[in-house]
Amino acid sequence: MAVKKRWHIALSGTGAQKTKSFSMSQKNGVFLLSVLAVILCLSVFSAIYIGYNQVRIARANQVLAENDKLQEQIVTLSSQVDSILVKMKQMENWEDKVRDDKNFKQINKEIREMGIGGMPVYDSTFVLLGKEFSDDYNELQNNILMLDAKLNFNYDSHKTLVDQLNLQELLYRNTPSIYPTYGRISDPYGWRNHPITKKRSFHRGLDISNKTGTAIYATADGTVTKTGRTKLLGRYIRISHKFGYTTKFGHLNKILVKKGDIIKRGEIIAKMGNTGRSTGSHLHYEVLRYNKTRNPYEYLNKNKDDIVMN
């Protein structure tokens, strides 16, 4: 008959006088060790699982906090976009007023709205974070798209307006539009009986009388193309301007500019005189457009808004 193996276990504490011992069968010992091993494994896995869940919980709390912060940022950005849209509306009103004041063509409101129109977009990226959050995000996204379109449209319209204003200023500066001197209009533009020959002839300019030495002014920006003296006009100046304009000044006493000089509107260019075929001290002033004479009287004291391209 075989003898069954047994496990003997002795336990002693530090300083103990007696040693406690007990024994068990090998089968029971193996079972006990197996149970202890299972308990140990379960403990380890439980600790790992709890730790993992704690990390996930912490991460979930962080995500929730980030979502709340993101929601606040969306609200802030939405307010900023709304504020920009309000300012842009004010700029549109300003542009409309400028166009009205300058008699420029207005932008049709329907065309302006069509310029910023389009189908709304829907992004489902944040749909899992809740309908409210997703709707707020999509509303902000569509507002930004609208803002971008509005910016592009208004940039183009503002640029066109600035170009028109610059052109108007350039046209104004280069169109003869002020009196060339002070004095009395002694002979108008058109048919007349010549004061010397007494024959009926066409007077191509405007005569303004005053004392010798009275200042003569350039009536527009331009370039001096000719100075000299003829039998009829005496001392004279010819100035070329943009947009096809040319001005002539005759019967001068003294010329203060020379050929090639760049002249500014209102600049003194000569002194009034009685040179050439003349009956007294006066200025003979001509305005030409594409080499055809125009009535100078129609160009005197013109405001900027009165001058148009034609």
Protein backbone atom coordinates (compact mmCIF):
# COMPACT_ATOMS: atom_id res chain seq x y z
CA MET A 1 0.00 0.00 0.00
CA ALA A 2 1.49 3.32 -1.18
CA VAL A 3 2.05 6.10 1.30
CA LYS A 4 0.35 9.43 0.33
CA LYS A 5 2.65 12.42 0.18
CA ARG A 6 1.94 15.27 2.52
CA TRP A 7 3.09 18.89 2.66
CA HIS A 8 4.42 20.16 5.96
CA ILE A 9 4.48 23.87 6.58
CA ALA A 10 6.19 25.51 9.54
CA LEU A 11 5.57 29.13 10.52
CA SER A 12 7.72 31.04 12.95
CA GLY A 13 7.79 34.70 13.90
CA THR A 14 10.78 36.77 14.88
CA GLY A 15 11.69 36.02 18.46
CA ALA A 16 9.04 33.29 18.76
CA GLN A 17 9.89 30.44 21.08
CA LYS A 18 7.59 28.02 19.40
CA THR A 19 7.16 27.14 15.83
CA LYS A 20 3.68 26.52 14.47
CA SER A 21 3.40 23.84 11.87
CA PHE A 22 0.69 22.09 10.02
CA SER A 23 0.46 19.66 7.19
CA MET A 24 -1.86 18.84 4.34
CA SER A 25 -2.07 16.40 1.57
CA GLN A 26 -0.30 17.19 -1.65
CA LYS A 27 -3.66 17.31 -3.44
CA ASN A 28 -5.00 19.88 -1.03
CA GLY A 29 -1.77 21.85 -1.26
CA VAL A 30 -1.93 22.01 -5.02
CA PHE A 31 -5.56 23.10 -4.83
CA LEU A 32 -4.72 25.79 -2.29
CA LEU A 33 -1.87 27.10 -4.42
CA SER A 34 -4.14 27.13 -7.45
CA VAL A 35 -6.74 29.12 -5.55
CA LEU A 36 -4.11 31.56 -4.35
CA ALA A 37 -2.76 31.91 -7.89
CA VAL A 38 -6.24 32.59 -9.25
CA ILE A 39 -6.88 35.14 -6.51
CA LEU A 40 -3.54 36.80 -7.27
CA CYS A 41 -4.27 36.93 -11.00
CA LEU A 42 -7.74 38.32 -10.39
CA SER A 43 -6.28 40.93 -8.08
CA VAL A 44 -3.69 41.95 -10.66
CA PHE A 45 -6.23 42.10 -13.49
CA SER A 46 -8.67 43.98 -11.25
CA ALA A 47 -6.01 46.53 -10.40
CA ILE A 48 -5.13 46.95 -14.09
CA TYR A 49 -8.80 47.24 -15.09
CA ILE A 50 -9.53 49.77 -12.36
CA GLY A 51 -6.46 51.77 -13.35
CA TYR A 52 -7.45 51.66 -17.02
CA ASN A 53 -10.99 52.77 -16.20
CA GLN A 54 -9.67 55.58 -14.06
CA VAL A 55 -7.59 56.79 -17.01
CA ARG A 56 -10.63 56.54 -19.29
CA ILE A 57 -12.78 58.40 -16.78
CA ALA A 58 -10.15 61.10 -16.42
CA ARG A 59 -9.89 61.36 -20.22
CA ALA A 60 -13.68 61.48 -20.54
CA ASN A 61 -13.83 64.28 -17.97
CA GLN A 62 -11.10 66.10 -19.89
CA VAL A 63 -13.02 65.69 -23.17
CA LEU A 64 -16.19 67.02 -21.51
CA ALA A 65 -14.26 70.00 -20.18
CA GLU A 66 -12.76 70.59 -23.63
CA ASN A 67 -16.21 70.34 -25.19
CA ASP A 68 -17.54 72.94 -22.77
CA LYS A 69 -14.60 75.19 -23.59
CA LEU A 70 -15.10 74.61 -27.31
CA GLN A 71 -18.78 75.47 -26.92
CA GLU A 72 -17.79 78.73 -25.23
CA GLN A 73 -15.33 79.47 -28.05
CA ILE A 74 -18.03 78.83 -30.65
CA VAL A 75 -20.33 81.28 -28.88
CA THR A 76 -17.50 83.85 -28.71
CA LEU A 77 -16.60 83.39 -32.38
CA SER A 78 -20.26 83.65 -33.36
CA SER A 79 -20.51 86.96 -31.51
CA GLN A 80 -17.36 88.22 -33.25
CA VAL A 81 -18.69 87.18 -36.67
CA ASP A 82 -21.99 88.96 -35.94
CA SER A 83 -20.06 92.07 -34.89
CA ILE A 84 -18.04 92.00 -38.13
CA LEU A 85 -21.23 91.61 -40.17
CA VAL A 86 -22.73 94.64 -38.43
CA LYS A 87 -19.62 96.71 -39.23
CA MET A 88 -19.68 95.52 -42.83
CA LYS A 89 -23.30 96.61 -43.07
CA GLN A 90 -22.24 100.04 -41.87
CA MET A 91 -19.53 100.07 -44.55
CA GLU A 92 -22.14 99.15 -47.17
CA ASN A 93 -24.31 102.05 -46.00
CA TRP A 94 -21.26 104.33 -46.20
CA GLU A 95 -20.55 103.15 -49.75
CA ASP A 96 -24.18 103.68 -50.75
CA LYS A 97 -24.06 107.23 -49.36
CA VAL A 98 -20.83 108.02 -51.21
CA ARG A 99 -22.31 106.68 -54.45
CA ASP A 100 -25.41 108.78 -53.87
CA ASP A 101 -23.42 111.93 -53.07
CA LYS A 102 -21.18 111.45 -56.12
CA ASN A 103 -24.03 110.44 -58.43
CA PHE A 104 -22.40 107.06 -59.03
CA LYS A 105 -24.46 104.02 -59.94
CA GLN A 106 -25.85 102.29 -56.85
CA ILE A 107 -25.41 98.56 -56.24
CA ASN A 108 -28.75 96.81 -56.37
CA LYS A 109 -29.53 95.29 -52.97
CA GLU A 110 -30.67 92.03 -54.57
CA ILE A 111 -27.39 91.79 -56.48
CA ARG A 112 -25.49 92.45 -53.25
CA GLU A 113 -27.38 89.64 -51.51
CA MET A 114 -26.88 87.30 -54.47
CA GLY A 115 -23.18 87.98 -54.17
CA ILE A 116 -23.15 86.42 -50.70
CA GLY A 117 -25.76 83.72 -51.29
CA GLY A 118 -25.31 79.98 -51.66
CA MET A 119 -26.50 76.66 -50.29
CA PRO A 120 -25.80 76.17 -46.57
CA VAL A 121 -23.34 73.41 -45.71
CA TYR A 122 -23.79 70.76 -43.04
CA ASP A 123 -20.82 69.09 -41.36
CA SER A 124 -21.56 65.95 -39.31
CA THR A 125 -18.13 65.89 -37.64
CA PHE A 126 -19.47 66.75 -34.19
CA VAL A 127 -22.89 65.12 -34.42
CA LEU A 128 -21.93 62.60 -31.70
CA LEU A 129 -21.38 65.46 -29.27
CA GLY A 130 -25.04 66.37 -29.35
CA LYS A 131 -27.47 68.11 -31.68
CA GLU A 132 -27.16 71.51 -30.00
CA PHE A 133 -23.38 71.52 -30.25
CA SER A 134 -23.45 70.28 -33.85
CA ASP A 135 -26.05 72.90 -34.85
CA ASP A 136 -24.05 75.71 -33.25
CA TYR A 137 -20.92 74.55 -35.03
CA ASN A 138 -22.66 74.40 -38.43
CA GLU A 139 -24.29 77.80 -37.91
CA LEU A 140 -20.87 79.29 -37.16
CA GLN A 141 -19.35 77.58 -40.19
CA ASN A 142 -22.07 78.94 -42.51
CA ASN A 143 -21.73 82.43 -41.03
CA ILE A 144 -17.99 82.33 -41.70
CA LEU A 145 -18.61 81.24 -45.31
CA MET A 146 -21.12 84.07 -45.69
CA LEU A 147 -18.65 86.52 -44.14
CA ASP A 148 -15.95 85.40 -46.59
CA ALA A 149 -18.29 85.84 -49.57
CA LYS A 150 -19.43 89.23 -48.25
CA LEU A 151 -15.84 90.35 -47.80
CA ASN A 152 -14.96 89.38 -51.37
CA PHE A 153 -18.03 91.10 -52.81
CA ASN A 154 -17.56 94.28 -50.77
CA TYR A 155 -13.83 94.35 -51.52
CA ASP A 156 -14.59 94.35 -55.25
CA SER A 157 -17.34 96.97 -54.92
CA HIS A 158 -15.20 99.20 -52.68
CA LYS A 159 -12.26 98.88 -55.09
CA THR A 160 -14.53 99.88 -57.96
CA LEU A 161 -15.74 102.85 -55.95
CA VAL A 162 -12.17 103.92 -55.12
CA ASP A 163 -11.24 103.61 -58.80
CA GLN A 164 -14.23 105.78 -59.71
CA LEU A 165 -13.28 108.37 -57.08
CA ASN A 166 -9.67 108.39 -58.29
CA LEU A 167 -10.84 108.75 -61.87
CA GLN A 168 -13.18 111.57 -60.88
CA GLU A 169 -10.32 113.32 -59.07
CA LEU A 170 -8.01 112.83 -62.06
CA LEU A 171 -10.73 114.09 -64.42
CA TYR A 172 -11.36 117.09 -62.18
CA ARG A 173 -7.67 117.97 -61.93
CA ASN A 174 -7.24 117.73 -65.72
CA THR A 175 -10.46 119.46 -66.82
CA PRO A 176 -10.25 123.28 -67.18
CA SER A 177 -12.73 124.31 -64.50
CA ILE A 178 -11.62 127.54 -62.82
CA TYR A 179 -11.32 131.16 -63.93
CA PRO A 180 -7.93 131.75 -65.57
CA THR A 181 -7.75 135.26 -64.11
CA TYR A 182 -9.71 138.00 -62.37
CA GLY A 183 -11.50 140.63 -64.41
CA ARG A 184 -14.46 141.47 -66.63
CA ILE A 185 -15.55 139.25 -69.50
CA SER A 186 -15.21 141.72 -72.36
CA ASP A 187 -15.84 139.41 -75.30
CA PRO A 188 -17.61 136.02 -75.24
CA TYR A 189 -17.06 132.89 -77.28
CA GLY A 190 -18.84 132.76 -80.66
CA TRP A 191 -19.66 134.98 -83.62
CA ARG A 192 -18.92 138.69 -83.27
CA ASN A 193 -17.86 141.84 -85.09
CA HIS A 194 -14.09 141.98 -84.67
CA PRO A 195 -13.14 145.06 -82.57
CA ILE A 196 -10.28 145.96 -84.95
CA THR A 197 -11.29 144.70 -88.41
CA LYS A 198 -15.01 145.31 -87.77
CA LYS A 199 -15.68 142.18 -89.82
CA ARG A 200 -17.94 139.37 -88.65
CA SER A 201 -15.76 136.50 -87.40
CA PHE A 202 -15.85 133.60 -84.99
CA HIS A 203 -14.20 134.24 -81.65
CA ARG A 204 -12.69 130.93 -80.51
CA GLY A 205 -12.02 132.01 -76.96
CA LEU A 206 -13.11 134.15 -74.04
CA ASP A 207 -11.64 137.61 -73.39
CA ILE A 208 -11.24 138.77 -69.78
CA SER A 209 -10.09 142.35 -69.23
CA ASN A 210 -8.06 143.74 -66.35
CA LYS A 211 -4.95 145.81 -65.78
CA THR A 212 -1.55 144.78 -67.12
CA GLY A 213 0.31 142.47 -64.76
CA THR A 214 -2.79 140.70 -63.41
CA ALA A 215 -1.93 137.07 -62.57
CA ILE A 216 -2.92 134.32 -65.04
CA TYR A 217 -3.60 130.86 -63.62
CA ALA A 218 -3.47 127.36 -65.11
CA THR A 219 -7.04 126.07 -65.14
CA ALA A 220 -6.07 122.38 -64.89
CA ASP A 221 -3.10 120.09 -64.33
CA GLY A 222 -1.05 119.65 -67.47
CA THR A 223 2.20 120.08 -69.38
CA VAL A 224 3.36 123.20 -71.18
CA THR A 225 3.66 122.16 -74.83
CA LYS A 226 4.43 125.53 -76.39
CA THR A 227 5.27 129.14 -75.57
CA GLY A 228 6.05 131.93 -77.97
CA ARG A 229 4.75 134.99 -79.77
CA THR A 230 2.55 135.49 -82.81
CA LYS A 231 1.23 138.57 -84.64
CA LEU A 232 -2.36 137.91 -83.52
CA LEU A 233 -2.01 136.43 -79.99
CA GLY A 234 1.18 138.17 -78.97
CA ARG A 235 2.90 136.29 -76.20
CA TYR A 236 1.03 133.04 -75.58
CA ILE A 237 1.13 129.69 -73.73
CA ARG A 238 -0.32 126.34 -74.80
CA ILE A 239 -0.91 123.64 -72.15
CA SER A 240 -1.88 120.02 -72.80
CA HIS A 241 -4.06 118.13 -70.30
CA LYS A 242 -5.33 114.57 -69.99
CA PHE A 243 -8.67 113.46 -71.46
CA GLY A 244 -8.05 115.38 -74.69
CA TYR A 245 -8.10 118.91 -73.23
CA THR A 246 -5.87 121.79 -74.34
CA THR A 247 -5.86 125.39 -73.09
CA LYS A 248 -4.39 128.52 -74.70
CA PHE A 249 -3.54 131.87 -73.09
CA GLY A 250 -2.82 134.91 -75.30
CA HIS A 251 -1.91 138.63 -75.23
CA LEU A 252 0.38 138.01 -72.25
CA ASN A 253 2.74 140.61 -70.85
CA LYS A 254 5.08 138.09 -69.24
CA ILE A 255 5.42 134.29 -69.47
CA LEU A 256 6.51 132.55 -66.24
CA VAL A 257 6.80 128.97 -67.53
CA LYS A 258 8.66 127.17 -70.31
CA LYS A 259 7.99 124.27 -72.64
CA GLY A 260 8.02 120.92 -70.81
CA ASP A 261 7.06 122.31 -67.39
CA ILE A 262 4.55 120.25 -65.38
CA ILE A 263 1.79 122.62 -64.27
CA LYS A 264 -0.70 122.27 -61.43
CA ARG A 265 -4.24 123.61 -61.40
CA GLY A 266 -4.24 127.14 -59.91
CA GLU A 267 -0.53 127.74 -60.53
CA ILE A 268 0.44 131.23 -61.78
CA ILE A 269 1.84 130.86 -65.30
CA ALA A 270 1.89 134.40 -66.71
CA LYS A 271 0.96 138.06 -66.33
CA MET A 272 -1.83 139.74 -68.29
CA GLY A 273 -0.80 142.10 -71.08
CA ASN A 274 -1.67 143.85 -74.35
CA THR A 275 0.65 142.10 -76.81
CA GLY A 276 -0.39 141.04 -80.33
CA ARG A 277 -3.48 142.41 -82.04
CA SER A 278 -5.33 143.84 -79.06
CA THR A 279 -7.29 146.92 -78.11
CA GLY A 280 -6.36 146.84 -74.43
CA SER A 281 -4.99 144.79 -71.58
CA HIS A 282 -6.84 141.46 -71.44
CA LEU A 283 -6.46 137.68 -71.58
CA HIS A 284 -7.59 135.66 -74.58
CA TYR A 285 -8.42 132.19 -73.16
CA GLU A 286 -9.26 129.11 -75.23
CA VAL A 287 -10.40 125.60 -74.30
CA LEU A 288 -10.07 122.77 -76.85
CA ARG A 289 -11.16 119.14 -76.63
CA TYR A 290 -9.50 116.81 -79.12
CA ASN A 291 -8.41 119.92 -81.08
CA LYS A 292 -11.95 121.30 -81.35
CA THR A 293 -12.74 124.58 -79.61
CA ARG A 294 -15.24 124.60 -76.75
CA ASN A 295 -16.97 127.50 -75.04
CA PRO A 296 -14.67 128.31 -72.09
CA TYR A 297 -17.56 129.91 -70.21
CA GLU A 298 -19.16 126.48 -69.76
CA TYR A 299 -16.08 125.29 -67.84
CA LEU A 300 -15.78 128.15 -65.35
CA ASN A 301 -16.32 127.45 -61.65
CA LYS A 302 -17.22 123.79 -62.10
CA ASN A 303 -17.44 121.60 -59.00
CA LYS A 304 -15.89 118.15 -58.96
CA ASP A 305 -19.28 116.45 -59.11
CA ASP A 306 -20.28 118.58 -62.12
CA ILE A 307 -17.50 117.16 -64.28
CA VAL A 308 -18.31 113.93 -66.08
CA MET A 309 -16.58 111.87 -68.74
CA ASN A 310 -17.99 112.62 -72.18
